[in-house]
Amino acid sequence: MATRRSSLYSITSTTDGGVSPSNKYVAEFDELGRLLAIYKKDSVGDFKILDPTAAEWSAVATAKGSGFTVPNSSGETLLQYNQNKHKTIGEWESLISIAPEYLTYHNEIKNKEANAAVIPAGDTSEGTREIIATPPRVRTPQQFASPGSPRYTTGSLAVLSYPYDMDITQDHLQISRYKYDRGGSVNLSAPGRGPVISNEPDGGNFVGAVFLPMPKASEAGGAEWGESKVDVLGIGAATVFKFEMDRLARLTTPTKLPDPKAPGFNVSSVMEAIKNVPGNAGGAAQILGARYASQALGALNISISGEDLITRSTGNAVNPNAELLFRGPVLRDFGFRFTMIARNKDEAGEIRNIIRFLKQGSAPKYQNAAFLGSPDLFQLEYKPKTVLNKFKPMSLNKITIDYAPDGYWAAYDDSHPVSIVMSLEFSEIVPVYDKDYVTTDDTVGF
């Protein structure tokens, strides 16, 4: 529904219903010029819709002004009504016509206000009027709202959304941006550790947040495994090493790690370990002999490996004793793609602000010729409540913006593209461990 709002005005002719001359109001009218809603500016600077059944609403709508010389305009709200609805003074009315759906409209806006501070879109400075074709914009979500704190007021905190009038009670992706802070730690990888993530108004490192529609949600995790091959000599060496490790583990206060140069780590001890396994001693001797022969032939510029000598002379291949061994954790990657189409100039500006906000956060910070500061970190959350995966703090590795996703250039009069596709590639900066799943919630965990 297209609506039109009045300029900012005050009521000076009555104090009924709690009305004060310091109060600021904005009236909203429907397509036919009928009064649809009245908003009041609160102490934080947000405009909240008035309850049409309350005494203040009636007082504001019916207030009689003094000093009005224009015929049939004996009240501040009535004046706004007539200026909005009629082109000439001769058409002005003496009574305000109320839109029949004003109660339903109030309930819809009130539901939005329950989850976010609502302000009328466009310029509401005194003496200006502007046609508004979209619902009121959702601003500063509750989890970041802190009335009275300058950090959480418009202009000092970036809280952006697409769509511009997003209902944050619906499923969406929240991308919060934080200044990089290691918290003085040289090891952020251990369970329970990580970079500083603080939303505190004083001393926190929170920069802002972006709210985007729920994307195609998927995840891929696991661990890194790698192939390992050792011959029987390597098996013997590993056996001796394990023996030494077990011996040290039995000590009450171990003082040192196994030393490969110690008496226990020599060819004799390795061969002794091999002999303890039936059938290995003869094969080990052949492999060792073949390697010595290969080295001797190398001195004559004859290149042939010990393994090839065995295979060509006996037809047997050296057993690699292949296994797949655990190598370490995997840092997970996440990719998201969003198509953003602006429905009006306000939403177009919001889209550009979102792109700039994310690009700036992913850029390295220049300090001087010697050092660069780390880019900001991002914390992602599926909101408002989800059973899907959680995220560790992430870096934004790549942001790709396609300003002509349909293959040809199309833009509005102000050069803003008709359609924009934004692709984001994130990587978690710390691993996920088994201990991260020790929770009592009903989600799939990390």
Protein backbone atom coordinates (compact mmCIF):
# COMPACT_ATOMS: atom_id res chain seq x y z
CA MET A 1 0.00 0.00 0.00
CA ALA A 2 1.38 3.39 -1.01
CA THR A 3 1.18 5.91 1.79
CA ARG A 4 2.10 9.55 2.27
CA ARG A 5 3.50 11.16 5.40
CA SER A 6 3.28 14.69 6.68
CA SER A 7 6.09 16.95 7.75
CA LEU A 8 7.23 16.91 11.38
CA TYR A 9 4.90 18.98 13.57
CA SER A 10 4.01 19.75 17.20
CA ILE A 11 0.77 20.23 19.12
CA THR A 12 0.77 23.50 21.04
CA SER A 13 -2.93 23.96 21.71
CA THR A 14 -3.67 21.17 24.19
CA THR A 15 -2.17 19.02 26.92
CA ASP A 16 -4.92 16.41 26.84
CA GLY A 17 -3.83 12.78 26.73
CA GLY A 18 -0.28 13.62 27.77
CA VAL A 19 0.35 15.89 24.79
CA SER A 20 3.22 18.33 25.26
CA PRO A 21 4.47 21.16 23.03
CA SER A 22 7.87 19.44 22.99
CA ASN A 23 6.42 16.30 21.41
CA LYS A 24 7.02 15.74 17.70
CA TYR A 25 4.51 13.92 15.50
CA VAL A 26 4.20 12.66 11.93
CA ALA A 27 0.84 11.80 10.36
CA GLU A 28 0.48 9.09 7.71
CA PHE A 29 -2.25 9.01 5.07
CA ASP A 30 -3.46 6.34 2.63
CA GLU A 31 -3.84 6.62 -1.15
CA LEU A 32 -7.14 8.50 -0.77
CA GLY A 33 -5.68 11.00 1.69
CA ARG A 34 -7.44 9.52 4.73
CA LEU A 35 -5.65 9.49 8.09
CA LEU A 36 -4.05 6.09 8.60
CA ALA A 37 -1.67 6.50 11.53
CA ILE A 38 0.10 8.98 13.80
CA TYR A 39 3.72 8.50 14.90
CA LYS A 40 5.39 10.08 17.92
CA LYS A 41 9.13 10.72 18.20
CA ASP A 42 10.55 9.15 21.37
CA SER A 43 13.59 10.13 23.46
CA VAL A 44 15.93 7.94 21.39
CA GLY A 45 14.84 9.55 18.12
CA ASP A 46 12.65 6.69 16.88
CA PHE A 47 9.08 7.27 15.71
CA LYS A 48 6.59 4.90 17.36
CA ILE A 49 3.02 4.50 16.18
CA LEU A 50 0.36 5.79 18.56
CA ASP A 51 -2.46 3.55 19.73
CA PRO A 52 -5.61 4.85 17.99
CA THR A 53 -7.69 3.86 21.04
CA ALA A 54 -5.53 5.96 23.40
CA ALA A 55 -6.38 9.44 24.65
CA GLU A 56 -3.21 10.93 23.15
CA TRP A 57 -4.20 9.79 19.64
CA SER A 58 -7.61 11.49 19.96
CA ALA A 59 -6.04 14.62 21.40
CA VAL A 60 -3.51 14.90 18.57
CA ALA A 61 -6.09 14.17 15.85
CA THR A 62 -8.70 16.64 17.15
CA ALA A 63 -6.53 19.39 18.64
CA LYS A 64 -7.82 22.88 17.88
CA GLY A 65 -5.12 25.39 17.08
CA SER A 66 -5.06 29.12 17.69
CA GLY A 67 -3.85 31.66 15.19
CA PHE A 68 -4.77 29.67 12.09
CA THR A 69 -6.03 32.10 9.47
CA VAL A 70 -6.73 29.57 6.75
CA PRO A 71 -10.43 28.59 6.64
CA ASN A 72 -11.33 25.12 7.94
CA SER A 73 -7.87 24.42 9.35
CA SER A 74 -8.32 24.85 13.06
CA GLY A 75 -5.94 22.08 14.20
CA GLU A 76 -2.34 21.04 13.64
CA THR A 77 -3.14 17.52 12.43
CA LEU A 78 -6.09 18.81 10.39
CA LEU A 79 -3.72 21.25 8.73
CA GLN A 80 -1.37 18.42 7.76
CA TYR A 81 -4.37 16.43 6.52
CA ASN A 82 -5.61 19.20 4.24
CA GLN A 83 -2.13 20.05 2.93
CA ASN A 84 -1.66 16.41 2.02
CA LYS A 85 -5.05 15.77 0.46
CA HIS A 86 -5.98 18.94 -1.38
CA LYS A 87 -4.17 21.12 -3.89
CA THR A 88 -6.15 24.31 -3.22
CA ILE A 89 -7.33 25.93 -0.01
CA GLY A 90 -10.86 26.04 -1.35
CA GLU A 91 -11.06 22.25 -1.17
CA TRP A 92 -9.94 21.99 2.45
CA GLU A 93 -12.15 20.09 4.89
CA SER A 94 -13.13 20.89 8.47
CA LEU A 95 -13.02 17.28 9.66
CA ILE A 96 -10.41 14.56 9.21
CA SER A 97 -11.48 11.46 7.31
CA ILE A 98 -10.15 8.29 8.97
CA ALA A 99 -9.07 5.27 6.89
CA PRO A 100 -11.28 2.24 7.74
CA GLU A 101 -8.26 -0.07 8.12
CA TYR A 102 -6.45 2.19 10.62
CA LEU A 103 -6.77 -0.36 13.46
CA THR A 104 -5.43 -3.23 11.34
CA TYR A 105 -2.59 -1.05 10.09
CA HIS A 106 -1.70 -0.06 13.67
CA ASN A 107 -1.50 -3.71 14.70
CA GLU A 108 0.80 -4.55 11.78
CA ILE A 109 3.20 -1.71 12.60
CA LYS A 110 3.05 -2.50 16.32
CA ASN A 111 4.14 -6.07 15.61
CA LYS A 112 7.18 -4.72 13.79
CA GLU A 113 7.94 -2.36 16.65
CA ALA A 114 7.93 -5.31 19.04
CA ASN A 115 11.04 -6.61 17.28
CA ALA A 116 12.74 -3.43 16.11
CA ALA A 117 12.66 0.32 16.41
CA VAL A 118 10.57 1.75 13.56
CA ILE A 119 11.10 5.13 11.93
CA PRO A 120 9.27 6.65 8.98
CA ALA A 121 11.31 6.42 5.80
CA GLY A 122 12.47 9.56 4.05
CA ASP A 123 12.99 13.09 5.28
CA THR A 124 10.80 14.03 8.27
CA SER A 125 12.45 17.34 9.07
CA GLU A 126 10.05 20.17 9.74
CA GLY A 127 8.71 21.89 6.66
CA THR A 128 9.23 18.97 4.28
CA ARG A 129 6.82 16.42 2.80
CA GLU A 130 7.59 13.27 0.89
CA ILE A 131 5.63 10.43 -0.69
CA ILE A 132 6.55 7.06 0.84
CA ALA A 133 5.73 3.92 -1.14
CA THR A 134 7.16 1.35 1.29
CA PRO A 135 6.41 0.30 4.89
CA PRO A 136 8.46 1.86 7.70
CA ARG A 137 12.07 0.72 7.76
CA VAL A 138 13.27 -1.73 10.38
CA ARG A 139 16.16 -0.14 12.27
CA THR A 140 18.49 -1.23 15.11
CA PRO A 141 17.32 -4.73 16.18
CA GLN A 142 16.64 -5.33 19.86
CA GLN A 143 19.81 -7.30 20.46
CA PHE A 144 21.85 -4.18 19.59
CA ALA A 145 19.50 -1.54 20.96
CA SER A 146 20.77 0.25 24.04
CA PRO A 147 18.81 3.48 24.57
CA GLY A 148 20.95 6.31 25.81
CA SER A 149 24.20 4.79 24.59
CA PRO A 150 25.78 6.86 21.78
CA ARG A 151 27.39 3.72 20.37
CA TYR A 152 23.98 2.33 19.45
CA THR A 153 22.40 5.34 17.83
CA THR A 154 22.00 5.99 14.15
CA GLY A 155 25.19 7.23 12.55
CA SER A 156 27.61 5.59 15.00
CA LEU A 157 26.61 1.97 14.40
CA ALA A 158 25.99 0.27 11.07
CA VAL A 159 22.88 -1.91 11.21
CA LEU A 160 21.78 -2.62 7.65
CA SER A 161 19.23 -4.91 6.07
CA TYR A 162 18.00 -6.18 2.75
CA PRO A 163 15.12 -6.06 2.14
CA TYR A 164 15.01 -2.54 3.52
CA ASP A 165 11.84 -3.32 5.52
CA MET A 166 12.90 -6.83 6.59
CA ASP A 167 10.77 -8.54 9.21
CA ILE A 168 13.41 -9.93 11.57
CA THR A 169 10.91 -12.35 13.06
CA GLN A 170 11.31 -14.34 9.84
CA ASP A 171 14.31 -16.63 9.20
CA HIS A 172 17.35 -14.67 8.02
CA LEU A 173 21.15 -14.57 8.13
CA GLN A 174 22.81 -12.09 10.47
CA ILE A 175 26.41 -11.13 9.62
CA SER A 176 28.05 -9.24 12.49
CA ARG A 177 31.38 -7.49 12.03
CA TYR A 178 34.04 -7.18 14.73
CA LYS A 179 37.45 -5.56 14.93
CA TYR A 180 40.19 -8.20 14.98
CA ASP A 181 41.31 -8.75 18.57
CA ARG A 182 43.39 -11.75 19.70
CA GLY A 183 42.90 -10.87 23.35
CA GLY A 184 46.64 -11.18 24.02
CA SER A 185 46.74 -14.90 23.17
CA VAL A 186 49.36 -16.50 20.92
CA ASN A 187 47.23 -19.64 20.46
CA LEU A 188 43.58 -19.24 19.50
CA SER A 189 43.19 -22.82 18.26
CA ALA A 190 42.60 -24.58 21.58
CA PRO A 191 39.00 -25.52 22.48
CA GLY A 192 37.17 -22.71 24.20
CA ARG A 193 39.52 -20.09 22.83
CA GLY A 194 39.24 -17.77 19.89
CA PRO A 195 39.32 -14.09 19.00
CA VAL A 196 37.53 -11.54 21.15
CA ILE A 197 33.86 -11.19 20.21
CA SER A 198 32.24 -8.51 22.36
CA ASN A 199 28.99 -6.56 21.94
CA GLU A 200 29.59 -4.43 25.02
CA PRO A 201 28.77 -0.74 24.43
CA ASP A 202 31.96 0.31 26.21
CA GLY A 203 35.15 -1.49 25.25
CA GLY A 204 33.55 -3.95 22.84
CA ASN A 205 34.84 -4.56 19.32
CA PHE A 206 31.44 -4.75 17.58
CA VAL A 207 31.34 -2.64 14.40
CA GLY A 208 27.90 -3.38 12.98
CA ALA A 209 25.65 -5.99 11.42
CA VAL A 210 23.93 -6.86 8.16
CA PHE A 211 20.64 -8.72 7.95
CA LEU A 212 20.09 -10.67 4.73
CA PRO A 213 17.42 -13.12 3.54
CA MET A 214 17.83 -16.75 4.46
CA PRO A 215 20.33 -18.16 1.91
CA LYS A 216 20.76 -21.67 0.56
CA ALA A 217 22.04 -23.26 3.77
CA SER A 218 24.64 -26.02 3.60
CA GLU A 219 27.80 -27.07 5.43
CA ALA A 220 30.79 -29.38 4.93
CA GLY A 221 33.11 -30.43 7.73
CA GLY A 222 35.51 -33.20 8.65
CA ALA A 223 39.21 -33.69 9.23
CA GLU A 224 42.35 -33.94 7.11
CA TRP A 225 43.69 -37.45 6.47
CA GLY A 226 46.78 -38.38 4.45
CA GLU A 227 48.40 -41.49 3.01
CA SER A 228 51.43 -42.92 4.81
CA LYS A 229 53.84 -45.56 3.38
CA VAL A 230 56.75 -47.19 5.23
CA ASP A 231 58.66 -50.40 4.57
CA VAL A 232 59.57 -52.99 7.16
CA LEU A 233 62.58 -50.96 8.31
CA GLY A 234 60.29 -48.05 9.03
CA ILE A 235 57.96 -50.38 10.92
CA GLY A 236 60.91 -51.43 13.07
CA ALA A 237 61.91 -47.83 13.75
CA ALA A 238 58.33 -46.94 14.71
CA THR A 239 58.25 -49.91 17.07
CA VAL A 240 61.40 -48.78 18.86
CA PHE A 241 60.10 -45.19 19.06
CA LYS A 242 56.78 -46.39 20.52
CA PHE A 243 58.66 -48.45 23.11
CA GLU A 244 60.60 -45.37 24.18
CA MET A 245 57.44 -43.26 24.31
CA ASP A 246 55.68 -45.86 26.44
CA ARG A 247 58.68 -46.00 28.76
CA LEU A 248 58.65 -42.24 29.24
CA ALA A 249 54.89 -42.29 29.81
CA ARG A 250 55.40 -44.65 32.73
CA LEU A 251 57.76 -42.24 34.42
CA THR A 252 56.29 -40.12 37.20
CA THR A 253 58.00 -36.95 36.02
CA PRO A 254 59.33 -37.39 32.49
CA THR A 255 62.21 -35.04 31.90
CA LYS A 256 62.89 -35.40 28.19
CA LEU A 257 61.50 -36.73 24.94
CA PRO A 258 63.00 -39.71 23.07
CA ASP A 259 66.37 -38.88 21.49
CA PRO A 260 66.97 -40.53 18.08
CA LYS A 261 70.71 -40.38 18.83
CA ALA A 262 70.38 -42.32 22.11
CA PRO A 263 71.55 -45.96 22.28
CA GLY A 264 67.99 -47.21 21.89
CA PHE A 265 67.73 -45.56 18.44
CA ASN A 266 70.21 -47.43 16.26
CA VAL A 267 70.22 -50.05 13.52
CA SER A 268 70.73 -52.83 16.02
CA SER A 269 67.67 -51.92 18.06
CA VAL A 270 65.60 -51.51 14.91
CA MET A 271 66.70 -54.90 13.54
CA GLU A 272 66.03 -56.46 16.94
CA ALA A 273 62.50 -55.13 16.84
CA ILE A 274 62.04 -56.52 13.35
CA LYS A 275 63.22 -59.98 14.40
CA ASN A 276 60.47 -60.17 16.97
CA VAL A 277 57.94 -60.37 14.15
CA PRO A 278 58.09 -63.78 12.40
CA GLY A 279 59.13 -63.61 8.71
CA ASN A 280 60.33 -60.01 8.83
CA ALA A 281 64.04 -60.51 9.59
CA GLY A 282 64.99 -62.01 6.21
CA GLY A 283 63.05 -59.44 4.25
CA ALA A 284 64.53 -56.60 6.24
CA ALA A 285 68.04 -57.86 5.56
CA GLN A 286 67.31 -57.99 1.80
CA ILE A 287 65.89 -54.47 1.77
CA LEU A 288 68.82 -53.11 3.76
CA GLY A 289 71.30 -54.89 1.49
CA ALA A 290 69.54 -53.61 -1.64
CA ARG A 291 69.77 -50.05 -0.37
CA TYR A 292 73.49 -50.36 0.35
CA ALA A 293 73.94 -51.80 -3.14
CA SER A 294 71.98 -48.92 -4.66
CA GLN A 295 74.22 -46.40 -2.91
CA ALA A 296 77.34 -48.18 -4.11
CA LEU A 297 76.08 -48.26 -7.68
CA GLY A 298 75.32 -44.56 -7.42
CA ALA A 299 79.01 -43.90 -6.90
CA LEU A 300 79.53 -45.49 -10.36
CA ASN A 301 76.82 -43.24 -11.86
CA ILE A 302 74.44 -46.20 -12.12
CA SER A 303 71.02 -45.07 -10.98
CA ILE A 304 68.72 -47.81 -9.69
CA SER A 305 66.77 -47.85 -6.44
CA GLY A 306 66.96 -50.59 -3.87
CA GLU A 307 63.29 -51.38 -4.46
CA ASP A 308 63.92 -51.89 -8.19
CA LEU A 309 66.90 -54.14 -7.46
CA ILE A 310 64.67 -56.38 -5.33
CA THR A 311 61.81 -56.46 -7.83
CA ARG A 312 64.08 -57.20 -10.81
CA SER A 313 66.00 -59.88 -8.95
CA THR A 314 63.17 -61.61 -7.04
CA GLY A 315 59.92 -60.43 -8.61
CA ASN A 316 58.72 -59.19 -5.23
CA ALA A 317 57.69 -55.63 -4.45
CA VAL A 318 58.57 -53.91 -1.21
CA ASN A 319 55.48 -53.76 0.97
CA PRO A 320 54.68 -50.07 1.59
CA ASN A 321 52.40 -50.93 4.54
CA ALA A 322 50.09 -48.17 3.34
CA GLU A 323 47.68 -46.52 5.75
CA LEU A 324 45.57 -43.40 5.88
CA LEU A 325 46.64 -41.35 8.89
CA PHE A 326 45.03 -38.38 10.59
CA ARG A 327 46.88 -35.16 9.74
CA GLY A 328 44.87 -32.45 11.49
CA PRO A 329 41.63 -30.44 11.56
CA VAL A 330 40.05 -28.71 8.58
CA LEU A 331 39.07 -25.04 8.68
CA ARG A 332 35.59 -24.92 7.17
CA ASP A 333 34.59 -22.71 4.23
CA PHE A 334 31.13 -21.24 3.62
CA GLY A 335 29.79 -19.54 0.51
CA PHE A 336 26.60 -17.52 0.12
CA ARG A 337 24.93 -15.83 -2.83
CA PHE A 338 22.34 -13.06 -2.63
CA THR A 339 20.33 -11.40 -5.40
CA MET A 340 19.37 -7.83 -4.45
CA ILE A 341 16.83 -5.81 -6.45
CA ALA A 342 16.06 -2.30 -5.22
CA ARG A 343 12.38 -1.36 -5.07
CA ASN A 344 13.02 2.33 -4.33
CA LYS A 345 15.83 4.82 -3.77
CA ASP A 346 16.05 4.11 -0.04
CA GLU A 347 16.54 0.39 -0.66
CA ALA A 348 19.08 1.10 -3.41
CA GLY A 349 21.11 3.17 -0.96
CA GLU A 350 20.85 0.42 1.63
CA ILE A 351 22.18 -2.15 -0.87
CA ARG A 352 25.18 0.05 -1.66
CA ASN A 353 25.82 0.55 2.07
CA ILE A 354 25.75 -3.22 2.64
CA ILE A 355 28.28 -3.82 -0.13
CA ARG A 356 30.55 -1.06 1.16
CA PHE A 357 30.24 -2.29 4.75
CA LEU A 358 31.32 -5.83 3.86
CA LYS A 359 34.10 -4.74 1.49
CA GLN A 360 35.55 -2.39 4.06
CA GLY A 361 35.50 -5.09 6.73
CA SER A 362 37.36 -7.56 4.50
CA ALA A 363 40.12 -5.09 3.56
CA PRO A 364 43.51 -5.10 5.35
CA LYS A 365 44.16 -2.08 7.56
CA TYR A 366 47.12 0.07 6.55
CA GLN A 367 49.26 1.13 9.52
CA ASN A 368 52.61 2.12 8.07
CA ALA A 369 55.35 0.92 5.72
CA ALA A 370 56.29 -1.80 8.19
CA PHE A 371 52.95 -3.30 9.26
CA LEU A 372 49.40 -3.96 8.14
CA GLY A 373 46.55 -4.61 10.52
CA SER A 374 44.30 -7.66 10.20
CA PRO A 375 40.94 -7.20 8.47
CA ASP A 376 37.82 -7.39 10.61
CA LEU A 377 36.25 -10.70 11.56
CA PHE A 378 32.67 -11.77 10.97
CA GLN A 379 30.31 -13.80 13.12
CA LEU A 380 27.42 -15.42 11.27
CA GLU A 381 24.15 -16.58 12.78
CA TYR A 382 20.95 -18.00 11.42
CA LYS A 383 18.21 -16.02 13.16
CA PRO A 384 15.92 -15.64 14.99
CA LYS A 385 16.10 -19.30 16.08
CA THR A 386 17.29 -22.23 14.06
CA VAL A 387 18.24 -25.87 14.39
CA LEU A 388 20.88 -25.48 11.69
CA ASN A 389 24.65 -25.32 12.14
CA LYS A 390 26.48 -22.69 14.15
CA PHE A 391 29.56 -20.81 12.98
CA LYS A 392 32.98 -20.07 14.43
CA PRO A 393 34.36 -16.53 13.86
CA MET A 394 35.24 -16.14 10.20
CA SER A 395 37.27 -14.13 7.76
CA LEU A 396 35.66 -12.79 4.60
CA ASN A 397 38.12 -14.10 2.02
CA LYS A 398 36.36 -12.91 -1.11
CA ILE A 399 33.40 -10.73 -2.00
CA THR A 400 32.22 -10.76 -5.61
CA ILE A 401 29.67 -8.25 -6.88
CA ASP A 402 27.97 -8.78 -10.25
CA TYR A 403 26.29 -5.55 -11.31
CA ALA A 404 24.91 -7.08 -14.54
CA PRO A 405 23.91 -10.65 -13.58
CA ASP A 406 21.55 -10.98 -16.57
CA GLY A 407 24.39 -10.49 -19.04
CA TYR A 408 23.59 -6.92 -19.99
CA TRP A 409 23.68 -3.52 -18.29
CA ALA A 410 20.39 -2.24 -16.87
CA ALA A 411 20.13 0.64 -14.42
CA TYR A 412 17.75 3.24 -13.02
CA ASP A 413 18.01 6.97 -13.70
CA ASP A 414 20.46 7.40 -10.81
CA SER A 415 22.71 4.67 -12.35
CA HIS A 416 21.93 2.12 -9.62
CA PRO A 417 21.80 -1.35 -11.27
CA VAL A 418 18.40 -2.96 -11.56
CA SER A 419 19.76 -6.22 -10.17
CA ILE A 420 22.90 -7.01 -8.15
CA VAL A 421 24.24 -10.44 -7.22
CA MET A 422 26.58 -10.53 -4.23
CA SER A 423 28.68 -13.64 -3.50
CA LEU A 424 30.49 -14.03 -0.18
CA GLU A 425 33.19 -16.58 0.67
CA PHE A 426 33.99 -17.04 4.36
CA SER A 427 36.49 -19.27 6.21
CA GLU A 428 36.44 -20.11 9.89
CA ILE A 429 39.65 -19.00 11.60
CA VAL A 430 39.67 -21.71 14.31
CA PRO A 431 38.90 -25.44 14.08
CA VAL A 432 35.83 -27.29 15.31
CA TYR A 433 36.61 -29.93 17.96
CA ASP A 434 34.54 -32.68 19.52
CA LYS A 435 34.17 -30.62 22.69
CA ASP A 436 32.28 -27.98 20.72
CA TYR A 437 29.38 -30.43 20.42
CA VAL A 438 28.99 -30.92 24.18
CA THR A 439 25.85 -28.79 24.48
CA THR A 440 22.26 -29.29 25.51
CA ASP A 441 20.58 -27.35 22.70
CA ASP A 442 18.49 -28.97 19.98
CA THR A 443 20.58 -27.79 17.02
CA VAL A 444 22.92 -29.84 14.83
CA GLY A 445 25.82 -28.02 16.55
CA PHE A 446 28.78 -26.69 14.61
